[in-house]
Amino acid sequence: MRGQMQDEKLRNQYITIKNSLKRYVKEPREKGPTIYPRLRTILR
């Protein structure tokens, strides 16, 4: 049961990151090139 909760949390985190990534890509690139690669590595 505990593992299931963990998976759910991770999935939610993943979805939030994906959404923020989408939002980030729409914004101008120069707004924070340091954040973007880190997010990409997390999503990989």
PDB file of N, CA and C in Angstrom:
ATOM      1  N   MET A   1       0.841  -1.211   0.000  1.00  0.00           N
ATOM      2  CA  MET A   1       0.000   0.000   0.000  1.00  0.00           C
ATOM      3  C   MET A   1       0.873   1.256   0.000  1.00  0.00           C
ATOM      4  N   ARG A   2       1.957   1.179   0.762  1.00  0.00           N
ATOM      5  CA  ARG A   2       2.828   2.349   0.871  1.00  0.00           C
ATOM      6  C   ARG A   2       3.504   2.641  -0.473  1.00  0.00           C
ATOM      7  N   GLY A   3       3.909   1.574  -1.160  1.00  0.00           N
ATOM      8  CA  GLY A   3       4.549   1.742  -2.466  1.00  0.00           C
ATOM      9  C   GLY A   3       3.604   2.406  -3.461  1.00  0.00           C
ATOM     10  N   GLN A   4       2.319   2.037  -3.348  1.00  0.00           N
ATOM     11  CA  GLN A   4       1.328   2.618  -4.251  1.00  0.00           C
ATOM     12  C   GLN A   4       1.239   4.124  -4.023  1.00  0.00           C
ATOM     13  N   MET A   5       1.224   4.520  -2.749  1.00  0.00           N
ATOM     14  CA  MET A   5       1.178   5.943  -2.424  1.00  0.00           C
ATOM     15  C   MET A   5       2.384   6.652  -3.028  1.00  0.00           C
ATOM     16  N   GLN A   6       3.540   6.028  -2.905  1.00  0.00           N
ATOM     17  CA  GLN A   6       4.778   6.608  -3.426  1.00  0.00           C
ATOM     18  C   GLN A   6       4.665   6.815  -4.934  1.00  0.00           C
ATOM     19  N   ASP A   7       4.166   5.792  -5.623  1.00  0.00           N
ATOM     20  CA  ASP A   7       3.997   5.890  -7.078  1.00  0.00           C
ATOM     21  C   ASP A   7       3.075   7.048  -7.436  1.00  0.00           C
ATOM     22  N   GLU A   8       1.992   7.174  -6.687  1.00  0.00           N
ATOM     23  CA  GLU A   8       1.020   8.241  -6.944  1.00  0.00           C
ATOM     24  C   GLU A   8       1.690   9.604  -6.795  1.00  0.00           C
ATOM     25  N   LYS A   9       2.487   9.733  -5.731  1.00  0.00           N
ATOM     26  CA  LYS A   9       3.173  11.006  -5.477  1.00  0.00           C
ATOM     27  C   LYS A   9       4.120  11.325  -6.631  1.00  0.00           C
ATOM     28  N   LEU A  10       4.873  10.301  -7.049  1.00  0.00           N
ATOM     29  CA  LEU A  10       5.828  10.497  -8.142  1.00  0.00           C
ATOM     30  C   LEU A  10       5.098  10.883  -9.426  1.00  0.00           C
ATOM     31  N   ARG A  11       3.975  10.223  -9.681  1.00  0.00           N
ATOM     32  CA  ARG A  11       3.227  10.532 -10.901  1.00  0.00           C
ATOM     33  C   ARG A  11       2.740  11.973 -10.865  1.00  0.00           C
ATOM     34  N   ASN A  12       2.247  12.394  -9.701  1.00  0.00           N
ATOM     35  CA  ASN A  12       1.771  13.773  -9.572  1.00  0.00           C
ATOM     36  C   ASN A  12       2.910  14.755  -9.799  1.00  0.00           C
ATOM     37  N   GLN A  13       4.083  14.463  -9.212  1.00  0.00           N
ATOM     38  CA  GLN A  13       5.253  15.313  -9.398  1.00  0.00           C
ATOM     39  C   GLN A  13       5.596  15.394 -10.877  1.00  0.00           C
ATOM     40  N   TYR A  14       5.587  14.246 -11.534  1.00  0.00           N
ATOM     41  CA  TYR A  14       5.933  14.167 -12.951  1.00  0.00           C
ATOM     42  C   TYR A  14       4.988  15.031 -13.784  1.00  0.00           C
ATOM     43  N   ILE A  15       3.690  14.933 -13.473  1.00  0.00           N
ATOM     44  CA  ILE A  15       2.691  15.713 -14.212  1.00  0.00           C
ATOM     45  C   ILE A  15       2.914  17.205 -13.980  1.00  0.00           C
ATOM     46  N   THR A  16       3.171  17.593 -12.731  1.00  0.00           N
ATOM     47  CA  THR A  16       3.396  19.017 -12.448  1.00  0.00           C
ATOM     48  C   THR A  16       4.615  19.518 -13.195  1.00  0.00           C
ATOM     49  N   ILE A  17       5.679  18.715 -13.191  1.00  0.00           N
ATOM     50  CA  ILE A  17       6.906  19.113 -13.883  1.00  0.00           C
ATOM     51  C   ILE A  17       6.634  19.242 -15.376  1.00  0.00           C
ATOM     52  N   LYS A  18       5.886  18.281 -15.927  1.00  0.00           N
ATOM     53  CA  LYS A  18       5.591  18.318 -17.354  1.00  0.00           C
ATOM     54  C   LYS A  18       4.805  19.579 -17.701  1.00  0.00           C
ATOM     55  N   ASN A  19       3.813  19.905 -16.855  1.00  0.00           N
ATOM     56  CA  ASN A  19       3.005  21.096 -17.116  1.00  0.00           C
ATOM     57  C   ASN A  19       3.844  22.361 -17.028  1.00  0.00           C
ATOM     58  N   SER A  20       4.697  22.443 -16.014  1.00  0.00           N
ATOM     59  CA  SER A  20       5.540  23.628 -15.864  1.00  0.00           C
ATOM     60  C   SER A  20       6.532  23.711 -17.017  1.00  0.00           C
ATOM     61  N   LEU A  21       6.961  22.542 -17.508  1.00  0.00           N
ATOM     62  CA  LEU A  21       7.869  22.519 -18.656  1.00  0.00           C
ATOM     63  C   LEU A  21       7.166  23.103 -19.877  1.00  0.00           C
ATOM     64  N   LYS A  22       5.930  22.672 -20.096  1.00  0.00           N
ATOM     65  CA  LYS A  22       5.160  23.185 -21.229  1.00  0.00           C
ATOM     66  C   LYS A  22       5.047  24.702 -21.135  1.00  0.00           C
ATOM     67  N   ARG A  23       4.709  25.184 -19.925  1.00  0.00           N
ATOM     68  CA  ARG A  23       4.555  26.612 -19.703  1.00  0.00           C
ATOM     69  C   ARG A  23       5.889  27.314 -19.955  1.00  0.00           C
ATOM     70  N   TYR A  24       6.959  26.668 -19.487  1.00  0.00           N
ATOM     71  CA  TYR A  24       8.288  27.259 -19.609  1.00  0.00           C
ATOM     72  C   TYR A  24       8.691  27.391 -21.071  1.00  0.00           C
ATOM     73  N   VAL A  25       8.384  26.363 -21.849  1.00  0.00           N
ATOM     74  CA  VAL A  25       8.775  26.378 -23.264  1.00  0.00           C
ATOM     75  C   VAL A  25       8.059  27.508 -23.998  1.00  0.00           C
ATOM     76  N   LYS A  26       6.809  27.792 -23.594  1.00  0.00           N
ATOM     77  CA  LYS A  26       6.054  28.870 -24.233  1.00  0.00           C
ATOM     78  C   LYS A  26       6.684  30.226 -23.920  1.00  0.00           C
ATOM     79  N   GLU A  27       7.251  30.361 -22.734  1.00  0.00           N
ATOM     80  CA  GLU A  27       7.863  31.638 -22.349  1.00  0.00           C
ATOM     81  C   GLU A  27       9.189  31.831 -23.074  1.00  0.00           C
ATOM     82  N   PRO A  28       9.686  33.086 -23.085  1.00  0.00           N
ATOM     83  CA  PRO A  28      10.981  33.362 -23.723  1.00  0.00           C
ATOM     84  C   PRO A  28      12.103  32.514 -23.134  1.00  0.00           C
ATOM     85  N   ARG A  29      13.016  32.105 -23.985  1.00  0.00           N
ATOM     86  CA  ARG A  29      14.087  31.204 -23.577  1.00  0.00           C
ATOM     87  C   ARG A  29      15.025  31.810 -22.541  1.00  0.00           C
ATOM     88  N   GLU A  30      15.298  33.102 -22.654  1.00  0.00           N
ATOM     89  CA  GLU A  30      16.330  33.696 -21.792  1.00  0.00           C
ATOM     90  C   GLU A  30      15.884  33.817 -20.340  1.00  0.00           C
ATOM     91  N   LYS A  31      14.667  33.334 -20.038  1.00  0.00           N
ATOM     92  CA  LYS A  31      14.132  33.527 -18.688  1.00  0.00           C
ATOM     93  C   LYS A  31      14.804  32.642 -17.643  1.00  0.00           C
ATOM     94  N   GLY A  32      15.561  31.643 -18.062  1.00  0.00           N
ATOM     95  CA  GLY A  32      16.228  30.804 -17.066  1.00  0.00           C
ATOM     96  C   GLY A  32      16.760  29.535 -17.679  1.00  0.00           C
ATOM     97  N   PRO A  33      17.839  29.642 -18.441  1.00  0.00           N
ATOM     98  CA  PRO A  33      18.391  28.466 -19.109  1.00  0.00           C
ATOM     99  C   PRO A  33      18.941  27.429 -18.139  1.00  0.00           C
ATOM    100  N   THR A  34      19.155  27.840 -16.878  1.00  0.00           N
ATOM    101  CA  THR A  34      19.707  26.899 -15.897  1.00  0.00           C
ATOM    102  C   THR A  34      18.644  25.908 -15.439  1.00  0.00           C
ATOM    103  N   ILE A  35      17.393  26.362 -15.367  1.00  0.00           N
ATOM    104  CA  ILE A  35      16.320  25.489 -14.885  1.00  0.00           C
ATOM    105  C   ILE A  35      15.980  24.430 -15.930  1.00  0.00           C
ATOM    106  N   TYR A  36      15.963  24.840 -17.191  1.00  0.00           N
ATOM    107  CA  TYR A  36      15.467  23.968 -18.262  1.00  0.00           C
ATOM    108  C   TYR A  36      16.211  22.640 -18.399  1.00  0.00           C
ATOM    109  N   PRO A  37      17.552  22.659 -18.485  1.00  0.00           N
ATOM    110  CA  PRO A  37      18.276  21.383 -18.619  1.00  0.00           C
ATOM    111  C   PRO A  37      18.034  20.456 -17.439  1.00  0.00           C
ATOM    112  N   ARG A  38      17.915  21.040 -16.228  1.00  0.00           N
ATOM    113  CA  ARG A  38      17.690  20.218 -15.045  1.00  0.00           C
ATOM    114  C   ARG A  38      16.344  19.520 -15.159  1.00  0.00           C
ATOM    115  N   LEU A  39      15.329  20.249 -15.592  1.00  0.00           N
ATOM    116  CA  LEU A  39      14.006  19.648 -15.773  1.00  0.00           C
ATOM    117  C   LEU A  39      14.058  18.563 -16.839  1.00  0.00           C
ATOM    118  N   ARG A  40      14.805  18.821 -17.905  1.00  0.00           N
ATOM    119  CA  ARG A  40      14.921  17.829 -18.976  1.00  0.00           C
ATOM    120  C   ARG A  40      15.544  16.543 -18.455  1.00  0.00           C
ATOM    121  N   THR A  41      16.571  16.675 -17.607  1.00  0.00           N
ATOM    122  CA  THR A  41      17.226  15.467 -17.088  1.00  0.00           C
ATOM    123  C   THR A  41      16.278  14.707 -16.171  1.00  0.00           C
ATOM    124  N   ILE A  42      15.443  15.426 -15.424  1.00  0.00           N
ATOM    125  CA  ILE A  42      14.471  14.760 -14.544  1.00  0.00           C
ATOM    126  C   ILE A  42      13.467  13.984 -15.396  1.00  0.00           C
ATOM    127  N   LEU A  43      13.035  14.608 -16.496  1.00  0.00           N
ATOM    128  CA  LEU A  43      12.010  13.971 -17.334  1.00  0.00           C
ATOM    129  C   LEU A  43      12.564  12.809 -18.142  1.00  0.00           C
ATOM    130  N   ARG A  44      13.869  12.757 -18.330  1.00  0.00           N
ATOM    131  CA  ARG A  44      14.441  11.718 -19.164  1.00  0.00           C
ATOM    132  C   ARG A  44      14.335  10.338 -18.520  1.00  0.00           C
TER     133      ARG A  44
END
